[in-house]
Structure formats: C-alpha cells, structure tokens
PDB file of N, CA and C in Angstrom:
ATOM      1  N   MET A   1      27.988  10.223 -21.602  1.00  0.00           N
ATOM      2  CA  MET A   1      26.626  10.656 -21.381  1.00  0.00           C
ATOM      3  C   MET A   1      26.607  11.673 -20.247  1.00  0.00           C
ATOM      4  N   LEU A   2      25.922  12.765 -20.454  1.00  0.00           N
ATOM      5  CA  LEU A   2      25.820  13.803 -19.431  1.00  0.00           C
ATOM      6  C   LEU A   2      24.583  13.579 -18.574  1.00  0.00           C
ATOM      7  N   PHE A   3      24.737  13.837 -17.285  1.00  0.00           N
ATOM      8  CA  PHE A   3      23.625  13.725 -16.355  1.00  0.00           C
ATOM      9  C   PHE A   3      23.338  15.099 -15.777  1.00  0.00           C
ATOM     10  N   PRO A   4      22.063  15.506 -15.753  1.00  0.00           N
ATOM     11  CA  PRO A   4      21.735  16.801 -15.159  1.00  0.00           C
ATOM     12  C   PRO A   4      22.048  16.784 -13.662  1.00  0.00           C
ATOM     13  N   MET A   5      22.631  17.876 -13.186  1.00  0.00           N
ATOM     14  CA  MET A   5      22.979  18.003 -11.773  1.00  0.00           C
ATOM     15  C   MET A   5      22.006  18.951 -11.101  1.00  0.00           C
ATOM     16  N   LYS A   6      21.740  18.685  -9.830  1.00  0.00           N
ATOM     17  CA  LYS A   6      20.867  19.522  -9.019  1.00  0.00           C
ATOM     18  C   LYS A   6      21.611  19.918  -7.747  1.00  0.00           C
ATOM     19  N   GLU A   7      21.304  21.105  -7.277  1.00  0.00           N
ATOM     20  CA  GLU A   7      21.910  21.583  -6.039  1.00  0.00           C
ATOM     21  C   GLU A   7      21.267  20.882  -4.852  1.00  0.00           C
ATOM     22  N   LEU A   8      22.094  20.292  -4.018  1.00  0.00           N
ATOM     23  CA  LEU A   8      21.626  19.627  -2.810  1.00  0.00           C
ATOM     24  C   LEU A   8      21.835  20.512  -1.595  1.00  0.00           C
ATOM     25  N   LEU A   9      22.984  21.169  -1.533  1.00  0.00           N
ATOM     26  CA  LEU A   9      23.361  21.914  -0.332  1.00  0.00           C
ATOM     27  C   LEU A   9      24.109  23.162  -0.744  1.00  0.00           C
ATOM     28  N   ARG A  10      23.793  24.282  -0.081  1.00  0.00           N
ATOM     29  CA  ARG A  10      24.508  25.537  -0.287  1.00  0.00           C
ATOM     30  C   ARG A  10      24.832  26.078   1.107  1.00  0.00           C
ATOM     31  N   THR A  11      26.106  26.212   1.405  1.00  0.00           N
ATOM     32  CA  THR A  11      26.499  26.640   2.740  1.00  0.00           C
ATOM     33  C   THR A  11      27.880  27.282   2.738  1.00  0.00           C
ATOM     34  N   ASN A  12      28.121  28.088   3.760  1.00  0.00           N
ATOM     35  CA  ASN A  12      29.453  28.660   3.994  1.00  0.00           C
ATOM     36  C   ASN A  12      30.266  27.759   4.920  1.00  0.00           C
ATOM     37  N   ASP A  13      29.624  26.769   5.508  1.00  0.00           N
ATOM     38  CA  ASP A  13      30.253  25.878   6.473  1.00  0.00           C
ATOM     39  C   ASP A  13      30.975  24.743   5.747  1.00  0.00           C
ATOM     40  N   ILE A  14      32.297  24.832   5.687  1.00  0.00           N
ATOM     41  CA  ILE A  14      33.063  23.819   4.952  1.00  0.00           C
ATOM     42  C   ILE A  14      33.019  22.460   5.641  1.00  0.00           C
ATOM     43  N   THR A  15      32.786  22.455   6.960  1.00  0.00           N
ATOM     44  CA  THR A  15      32.680  21.165   7.650  1.00  0.00           C
ATOM     45  C   THR A  15      31.375  20.458   7.275  1.00  0.00           C
ATOM     46  N   ALA A  16      30.305  21.214   7.066  1.00  0.00           N
ATOM     47  CA  ALA A  16      29.030  20.613   6.644  1.00  0.00           C
ATOM     48  C   ALA A  16      29.170  20.007   5.249  1.00  0.00           C
ATOM     49  N   ILE A  17      29.877  20.717   4.369  1.00  0.00           N
ATOM     50  CA  ILE A  17      30.106  20.196   3.015  1.00  0.00           C
ATOM     51  C   ILE A  17      30.917  18.896   3.082  1.00  0.00           C
ATOM     52  N   ALA A  18      31.980  18.896   3.871  1.00  0.00           N
ATOM     53  CA  ALA A  18      32.826  17.700   3.988  1.00  0.00           C
ATOM     54  C   ALA A  18      32.041  16.529   4.567  1.00  0.00           C
ATOM     55  N   PHE A  19      31.228  16.782   5.579  1.00  0.00           N
ATOM     56  CA  PHE A  19      30.408  15.734   6.198  1.00  0.00           C
ATOM     57  C   PHE A  19      29.396  15.188   5.199  1.00  0.00           C
ATOM     58  N   ALA A  20      28.717  16.084   4.494  1.00  0.00           N
ATOM     59  CA  ALA A  20      27.723  15.671   3.501  1.00  0.00           C
ATOM     60  C   ALA A  20      28.370  14.848   2.391  1.00  0.00           C
ATOM     61  N   LYS A  21      29.530  15.284   1.911  1.00  0.00           N
ATOM     62  CA  LYS A  21      30.232  14.535   0.865  1.00  0.00           C
ATOM     63  C   LYS A  21      30.591  13.131   1.343  1.00  0.00           C
ATOM     64  N   ALA A  22      31.065  13.020   2.570  1.00  0.00           N
ATOM     65  CA  ALA A  22      31.454  11.717   3.118  1.00  0.00           C
ATOM     66  C   ALA A  22      30.249  10.783   3.213  1.00  0.00           C
ATOM     67  N   ILE A  23      29.123  11.325   3.660  1.00  0.00           N
ATOM     68  CA  ILE A  23      27.902  10.521   3.774  1.00  0.00           C
ATOM     69  C   ILE A  23      27.445  10.050   2.394  1.00  0.00           C
ATOM     70  N   LEU A  24      27.385  10.967   1.450  1.00  0.00           N
ATOM     71  CA  LEU A  24      26.923  10.630   0.105  1.00  0.00           C
ATOM     72  C   LEU A  24      27.841   9.617  -0.559  1.00  0.00           C
ATOM     73  N   GLN A  25      29.136   9.847  -0.474  1.00  0.00           N
ATOM     74  CA  GLN A  25      30.086   8.929  -1.097  1.00  0.00           C
ATOM     75  C   GLN A  25      30.034   7.554  -0.441  1.00  0.00           C
ATOM     76  N   GLY A  26      29.769   7.526   0.871  1.00  0.00           N
ATOM     77  CA  GLY A  26      29.625   6.256   1.574  1.00  0.00           C
ATOM     78  C   GLY A  26      28.426   5.457   1.093  1.00  0.00           C
ATOM     79  N   GLU A  27      27.422   6.139   0.581  1.00  0.00           N
ATOM     80  CA  GLU A  27      26.225   5.489   0.044  1.00  0.00           C
ATOM     81  C   GLU A  27      26.314   5.275  -1.466  1.00  0.00           C
ATOM     82  N   GLY A  28      27.446   5.640  -2.054  1.00  0.00           N
ATOM     83  CA  GLY A  28      27.632   5.446  -3.487  1.00  0.00           C
ATOM     84  C   GLY A  28      26.982   6.513  -4.352  1.00  0.00           C
ATOM     85  N   ILE A  29      26.690   7.666  -3.762  1.00  0.00           N
ATOM     86  CA  ILE A  29      26.086   8.770  -4.514  1.00  0.00           C
ATOM     87  C   ILE A  29      27.197   9.728  -4.920  1.00  0.00           C
ATOM     88  N   ASP A  30      27.370   9.908  -6.224  1.00  0.00           N
ATOM     89  CA  ASP A  30      28.378  10.839  -6.713  1.00  0.00           C
ATOM     90  C   ASP A  30      27.933  12.264  -6.434  1.00  0.00           C
ATOM     91  N   CYS A  31      28.884  13.091  -6.019  1.00  0.00           N
ATOM     92  CA  CYS A  31      28.578  14.498  -5.771  1.00  0.00           C
ATOM     93  C   CYS A  31      29.756  15.345  -6.250  1.00  0.00           C
ATOM     94  N   PHE A  32      29.471  16.613  -6.463  1.00  0.00           N
ATOM     95  CA  PHE A  32      30.475  17.532  -6.975  1.00  0.00           C
ATOM     96  C   PHE A  32      30.340  18.847  -6.225  1.00  0.00           C
ATOM     97  N   GLU A  33      31.443  19.335  -5.688  1.00  0.00           N
ATOM     98  CA  GLU A  33      31.453  20.601  -4.949  1.00  0.00           C
ATOM     99  C   GLU A  33      31.781  21.744  -5.908  1.00  0.00           C
ATOM    100  N   MET A  34      30.907  22.730  -5.921  1.00  0.00           N
ATOM    101  CA  MET A  34      31.101  23.886  -6.796  1.00  0.00           C
ATOM    102  C   MET A  34      31.470  25.116  -5.963  1.00  0.00           C
ATOM    103  N   ASP A  35      32.042  26.088  -6.629  1.00  0.00           N
ATOM    104  CA  ASP A  35      32.423  27.381  -6.045  1.00  0.00           C
ATOM    105  C   ASP A  35      33.594  27.280  -5.070  1.00  0.00           C
ATOM    106  N   VAL A  36      34.370  26.220  -5.174  1.00  0.00           N
ATOM    107  CA  VAL A  36      35.536  26.056  -4.307  1.00  0.00           C
ATOM    108  C   VAL A  36      36.554  27.150  -4.585  1.00  0.00           C
ATOM    109  N   ASN A  37      36.737  27.490  -5.849  1.00  0.00           N
ATOM    110  CA  ASN A  37      37.729  28.507  -6.199  1.00  0.00           C
ATOM    111  C   ASN A  37      37.357  29.903  -5.710  1.00  0.00           C
ATOM    112  N   MET A  38      36.082  30.141  -5.481  1.00  0.00           N
ATOM    113  CA  MET A  38      35.665  31.443  -4.949  1.00  0.00           C
ATOM    114  C   MET A  38      36.259  31.670  -3.561  1.00  0.00           C
ATOM    115  N   SER A  39      36.390  30.591  -2.774  1.00  0.00           N
ATOM    116  CA  SER A  39      36.956  30.744  -1.437  1.00  0.00           C
ATOM    117  C   SER A  39      38.422  31.154  -1.511  1.00  0.00           C
ATOM    118  N   VAL A  40      39.107  30.750  -2.561  1.00  0.00           N
ATOM    119  CA  VAL A  40      40.495  31.159  -2.753  1.00  0.00           C
ATOM    120  C   VAL A  40      40.547  32.656  -3.052  1.00  0.00           C
ATOM    121  N   LEU A  41      39.631  33.112  -3.905  1.00  0.00           N
ATOM    122  CA  LEU A  41      39.592  34.532  -4.262  1.00  0.00           C
ATOM    123  C   LEU A  41      39.223  35.420  -3.088  1.00  0.00           C
ATOM    124  N   GLU A  42      38.358  34.926  -2.201  1.00  0.00           N
ATOM    125  CA  GLU A  42      37.921  35.731  -1.061  1.00  0.00           C
ATOM    126  C   GLU A  42      38.900  35.671   0.102  1.00  0.00           C
ATOM    127  N   GLY A  43      39.900  34.829   0.003  1.00  0.00           N
ATOM    128  CA  GLY A  43      40.889  34.720   1.068  1.00  0.00           C
ATOM    129  C   GLY A  43      40.490  33.735   2.157  1.00  0.00           C
ATOM    130  N   GLY A  44      39.504  32.894   1.887  1.00  0.00           N
ATOM    131  CA  GLY A  44      39.114  31.863   2.852  1.00  0.00           C
ATOM    132  C   GLY A  44      38.326  32.363   4.036  1.00  0.00           C
ATOM    133  N   ILE A  45      37.678  33.527   3.919  1.00  0.00           N
ATOM    134  CA  ILE A  45      36.925  34.059   5.061  1.00  0.00           C
ATOM    135  C   ILE A  45      35.462  33.634   5.072  1.00  0.00           C
ATOM    136  N   GLY A  46      35.030  32.892   4.079  1.00  0.00           N
ATOM    137  CA  GLY A  46      33.702  32.295   4.095  1.00  0.00           C
ATOM    138  C   GLY A  46      32.554  33.183   3.679  1.00  0.00           C
ATOM    139  N   ILE A  47      32.798  34.159   2.845  1.00  0.00           N
ATOM    140  CA  ILE A  47      31.726  35.046   2.391  1.00  0.00           C
ATOM    141  C   ILE A  47      30.847  34.351   1.365  1.00  0.00           C
ATOM    142  N   PHE A  48      31.458  33.682   0.409  1.00  0.00           N
ATOM    143  CA  PHE A  48      30.707  33.048  -0.670  1.00  0.00           C
ATOM    144  C   PHE A  48      30.391  31.598  -0.315  1.00  0.00           C
ATOM    145  N   PRO A  49      29.129  31.204  -0.416  1.00  0.00           N
ATOM    146  CA  PRO A  49      28.790  29.813  -0.101  1.00  0.00           C
ATOM    147  C   PRO A  49      29.267  28.858  -1.180  1.00  0.00           C
ATOM    148  N   ARG A  50      29.511  27.637  -0.765  1.00  0.00           N
ATOM    149  CA  ARG A  50      29.836  26.562  -1.689  1.00  0.00           C
ATOM    150  C   ARG A  50      28.566  25.760  -1.932  1.00  0.00           C
ATOM    151  N   ARG A  51      28.512  25.110  -3.083  1.00  0.00           N
ATOM    152  CA  ARG A  51      27.344  24.303  -3.434  1.00  0.00           C
ATOM    153  C   ARG A  51      27.773  22.860  -3.643  1.00  0.00           C
ATOM    154  N   LEU A  52      26.936  21.962  -3.171  1.00  0.00           N
ATOM    155  CA  LEU A  52      27.159  20.538  -3.379  1.00  0.00           C
ATOM    156  C   LEU A  52      26.089  20.049  -4.345  1.00  0.00           C
ATOM    157  N   MET A  53      26.528  19.499  -5.458  1.00  0.00           N
ATOM    158  CA  MET A  53      25.639  19.070  -6.522  1.00  0.00           C
ATOM    159  C   MET A  53      25.605  17.548  -6.587  1.00  0.00           C
ATOM    160  N   VAL A  54      24.421  17.009  -6.926  1.00  0.00           N
ATOM    161  CA  VAL A  54      24.255  15.575  -7.145  1.00  0.00           C
ATOM    162  C   VAL A  54      23.494  15.378  -8.449  1.00  0.00           C
ATOM    163  N   ARG A  55      23.574  14.181  -8.985  1.00  0.00           N
ATOM    164  CA  ARG A  55      22.798  13.878 -10.189  1.00  0.00           C
ATOM    165  C   ARG A  55      21.315  13.970  -9.856  1.00  0.00           C
ATOM    166  N   GLN A  56      20.551  14.412 -10.813  1.00  0.00           N
ATOM    167  CA  GLN A  56      19.114  14.572 -10.612  1.00  0.00           C
ATOM    168  C   GLN A  56      18.472  13.260 -10.169  1.00  0.00           C
ATOM    169  N   LYS A  57      18.927  12.154 -10.722  1.00  0.00           N
ATOM    170  CA  LYS A  57      18.345  10.855 -10.375  1.00  0.00           C
ATOM    171  C   LYS A  57      18.648  10.445  -8.940  1.00  0.00           C
ATOM    172  N   ASP A  58      19.675  11.042  -8.316  1.00  0.00           N
ATOM    173  CA  ASP A  58      20.059  10.719  -6.940  1.00  0.00           C
ATOM    174  C   ASP A  58      19.531  11.729  -5.923  1.00  0.00           C
ATOM    175  N   LEU A  59      18.848  12.764  -6.380  1.00  0.00           N
ATOM    176  CA  LEU A  59      18.450  13.868  -5.503  1.00  0.00           C
ATOM    177  C   LEU A  59      17.547  13.412  -4.367  1.00  0.00           C
ATOM    178  N   PHE A  60      16.541  12.601  -4.643  1.00  0.00           N
ATOM    179  CA  PHE A  60      15.612  12.160  -3.608  1.00  0.00           C
ATOM    180  C   PHE A  60      16.348  11.417  -2.496  1.00  0.00           C
ATOM    181  N   LEU A  61      17.183  10.464  -2.869  1.00  0.00           N
ATOM    182  CA  LEU A  61      17.938   9.693  -1.877  1.00  0.00           C
ATOM    183  C   LEU A  61      18.937  10.579  -1.137  1.00  0.00           C
ATOM    184  N   ALA A  62      19.579  11.488  -1.847  1.00  0.00           N
ATOM    185  CA  ALA A  62      20.556  12.385  -1.220  1.00  0.00           C
ATOM    186  C   ALA A  62      19.884  13.282  -0.179  1.00  0.00           C
ATOM    187  N   ARG A  63      18.691  13.783  -0.492  1.00  0.00           N
ATOM    188  CA  ARG A  63      17.953  14.607   0.477  1.00  0.00           C
ATOM    189  C   ARG A  63      17.575  13.781   1.710  1.00  0.00           C
ATOM    190  N   ALA A  64      17.199  12.536   1.495  1.00  0.00           N
ATOM    191  CA  ALA A  64      16.881  11.653   2.619  1.00  0.00           C
ATOM    192  C   ALA A  64      18.106  11.453   3.501  1.00  0.00           C
ATOM    193  N   MET A  65      19.265  11.306   2.874  1.00  0.00           N
ATOM    194  CA  MET A  65      20.509  11.153   3.647  1.00  0.00           C
ATOM    195  C   MET A  65      20.811  12.409   4.461  1.00  0.00           C
ATOM    196  N   MET A  66      20.545  13.578   3.901  1.00  0.00           N
ATOM    197  CA  MET A  66      20.760  14.831   4.629  1.00  0.00           C
ATOM    198  C   MET A  66      19.834  14.901   5.848  1.00  0.00           C
ATOM    199  N   ARG A  67      18.566  14.556   5.648  1.00  0.00           N
ATOM    200  CA  ARG A  67      17.605  14.576   6.765  1.00  0.00           C
ATOM    201  C   ARG A  67      18.000  13.575   7.844  1.00  0.00           C
ATOM    202  N   ASP A  68      18.364  12.367   7.438  1.00  0.00           N
ATOM    203  CA  ASP A  68      18.722  11.320   8.394  1.00  0.00           C
ATOM    204  C   ASP A  68      19.939  11.684   9.235  1.00  0.00           C
ATOM    205  N   ASN A  69      20.797  12.536   8.696  1.00  0.00           N
ATOM    206  CA  ASN A  69      22.028  12.920   9.405  1.00  0.00           C
ATOM    207  C   ASN A  69      21.981  14.351   9.929  1.00  0.00           C
ATOM    208  N   ASN A  70      20.784  14.921   9.974  1.00  0.00           N
ATOM    209  CA  ASN A  70      20.557  16.271  10.536  1.00  0.00           C
ATOM    210  C   ASN A  70      21.419  17.347   9.901  1.00  0.00           C
ATOM    211  N   ILE A  71      21.558  17.273   8.591  1.00  0.00           N
ATOM    212  CA  ILE A  71      22.261  18.321   7.847  1.00  0.00           C
ATOM    213  C   ILE A  71      21.195  19.201   7.212  1.00  0.00           C
ATOM    214  N   ALA A  72      21.161  20.459   7.638  1.00  0.00           N
ATOM    215  CA  ALA A  72      20.139  21.374   7.150  1.00  0.00           C
ATOM    216  C   ALA A  72      20.429  21.733   5.688  1.00  0.00           C
ATOM    217  N   TYR A  73      19.395  21.680   4.891  1.00  0.00           N
ATOM    218  CA  TYR A  73      19.510  22.070   3.481  1.00  0.00           C
ATOM    219  C   TYR A  73      18.215  22.743   3.087  1.00  0.00           C
ATOM    220  N   GLU A  74      18.272  23.495   2.025  1.00  0.00           N
ATOM    221  CA  GLU A  74      17.093  24.172   1.514  1.00  0.00           C
ATOM    222  C   GLU A  74      16.756  23.576   0.154  1.00  0.00           C
ATOM    223  N   GLU A  75      15.517  23.126   0.019  1.00  0.00           N
ATOM    224  CA  GLU A  75      15.122  22.533  -1.264  1.00  0.00           C
ATOM    225  C   GLU A  75      14.970  23.620  -2.305  1.00  0.00           C
ATOM    226  N   ARG A  76      15.752  23.519  -3.364  1.00  0.00           N
ATOM    227  CA  ARG A  76      15.691  24.463  -4.473  1.00  0.00           C
ATOM    228  C   ARG A  76      15.409  23.659  -5.738  1.00  0.00           C
ATOM    229  N   ASP A  77      14.334  23.978  -6.394  1.00  0.00           N
ATOM    230  CA  ASP A  77      14.003  23.251  -7.632  1.00  0.00           C
ATOM    231  C   ASP A  77      13.964  24.144  -8.804  1.00  0.00           C
TER     232      ASP A  77
END
C-alpha cells in the first residue's frame, strides 16, 4: 500500500536534517530524505537543499516535533 508523502523540512543544513530524522525516528515516525544524490553532484558544497518527507498522516505530529525542538521549517501544502 502506498502512502502519500509530504515535505516536512527543506534545508541546506545537513545537521538539521540529521537531527530532525533522529527526533522523528525516536517517536516512531517514518521519514525519507530526498535529494541526497544532488549533494554528490554538486560536490558537497550545499547549494541544493535536501528535503525530509513524512507520511501525510504523520505530518501534524511531525510538525509539532519540529516546533518542540526548535527546528525551523516552512509549511508547504
């Protein structure tokens, strides 16, 4: 069964992505990092942002986790 994914976080900061993933996974929220291969193509200089995706059904809770841990994100619907 496929679940629709929504963008939770878009950033050039790889430490923010790693922190967000750790928080989400600790709460049992599955997430998927997109655009990782773009950083390989750019040479790792951080021009292209990476995106962290979560299931649509987990988006509300995931956003709450971002707020609770002071991780800045932009709501995109």
